[in-house]
Amino acid sequence: MAKKRKCSLQVPSDDGKRTLYGTAAQLHYIAENGGWDAFMEKTASDAAKLAVKHAFREMDKAKFKVTSNKKRKSS
């Protein structure tokens, strides 16, 4: 019976002959994508874009009531 890996994160190694799992996969992926600073910048940027997209989608759902431009008379 094959040993089942606990971590679902997998990346191919540089030589392509092995598959890296878990923390090794994470470190390899970050290194391949410009290092920690570039990885964090991209992650933060993606999160901000997603949050803004969600906020605008929620705003589009709002039902606004059209009112006339007449001003109220003050008493």
Protein backbone atom coordinates (compact mmCIF):
# COMPACT_ATOMS: atom_id res chain seq x y z
CA MET A 1 0.00 0.00 0.00
CA ALA A 2 1.37 3.43 -0.99
CA LYS A 3 2.11 5.93 1.73
CA LYS A 4 -0.36 8.80 1.60
CA ARG A 5 1.12 12.26 2.07
CA LYS A 6 -0.57 14.46 4.68
CA CYS A 7 0.16 17.71 2.82
CA SER A 8 -1.58 18.48 -0.44
CA LEU A 9 0.97 21.14 -1.44
CA GLN A 10 3.23 19.74 -4.16
CA VAL A 11 5.71 21.25 -6.64
CA PRO A 12 8.17 19.59 -9.02
CA SER A 13 11.85 19.89 -8.13
CA ASP A 14 14.29 21.76 -10.38
CA ASP A 15 15.35 18.60 -12.17
CA GLY A 16 11.72 17.52 -12.60
CA LYS A 17 12.46 14.00 -11.39
CA ARG A 18 11.11 14.47 -7.87
CA THR A 19 8.09 16.07 -6.29
CA LEU A 20 8.53 18.26 -3.24
CA TYR A 21 5.89 18.29 -0.51
CA GLY A 22 4.97 20.49 2.44
CA THR A 23 7.46 23.07 3.70
CA ALA A 24 10.04 22.13 1.09
CA ALA A 25 7.44 22.73 -1.64
CA GLN A 26 6.50 26.07 -0.10
CA LEU A 27 10.10 27.28 0.16
CA HIS A 28 10.87 26.11 -3.38
CA TYR A 29 7.78 27.85 -4.80
CA ILE A 30 8.62 31.14 -3.04
CA ALA A 31 12.23 31.00 -4.24
CA GLU A 32 11.12 30.29 -7.82
CA ASN A 33 8.78 33.30 -7.74
CA GLY A 34 11.22 36.02 -6.73
CA GLY A 35 11.75 35.39 -3.03
CA TRP A 36 9.82 36.23 0.10
CA ASP A 37 9.34 39.97 -0.53
CA ALA A 38 7.97 39.46 -4.06
CA PHE A 39 5.75 36.62 -2.85
CA MET A 40 4.29 38.73 -0.02
CA GLU A 41 3.81 41.75 -2.31
CA LYS A 42 1.92 39.63 -4.83
CA THR A 43 -0.15 37.96 -2.09
CA ALA A 44 -1.10 41.32 -0.54
CA SER A 45 -1.91 42.79 -3.95
CA ASP A 46 -4.10 39.83 -4.88
CA ALA A 47 -5.91 40.02 -1.53
CA ALA A 48 -6.55 43.76 -1.93
CA LYS A 49 -7.88 43.30 -5.48
CA LEU A 50 -10.18 40.54 -4.29
CA ALA A 51 -11.46 42.66 -1.40
CA VAL A 52 -12.18 45.66 -3.64
CA LYS A 53 -13.89 43.45 -6.23
CA HIS A 54 -16.07 41.95 -3.50
CA ALA A 55 -16.91 45.39 -2.06
CA PHE A 56 -17.98 46.72 -5.47
CA ARG A 57 -20.02 43.58 -6.12
CA GLU A 58 -21.84 44.12 -2.82
CA MET A 59 -22.40 47.79 -3.65
CA ASP A 60 -23.90 46.80 -7.01
CA LYS A 61 -26.43 44.65 -5.16
CA ALA A 62 -27.75 47.62 -3.19
CA LYS A 63 -31.14 48.95 -4.27
CA PHE A 64 -31.16 52.70 -4.40
CA LYS A 65 -34.42 54.62 -4.40
CA VAL A 66 -34.73 57.45 -6.91
CA THR A 67 -36.25 60.59 -5.40
CA SER A 68 -37.32 63.85 -6.98
CA ASN A 69 -35.04 66.87 -6.92
CA LYS A 70 -37.64 69.02 -5.17
CA LYS A 71 -36.42 70.58 -1.96
CA ARG A 72 -38.49 70.32 1.20
CA LYS A 73 -39.97 73.47 2.56
CA SER A 74 -38.60 74.41 5.97
CA SER A 75 -41.18 75.09 8.69
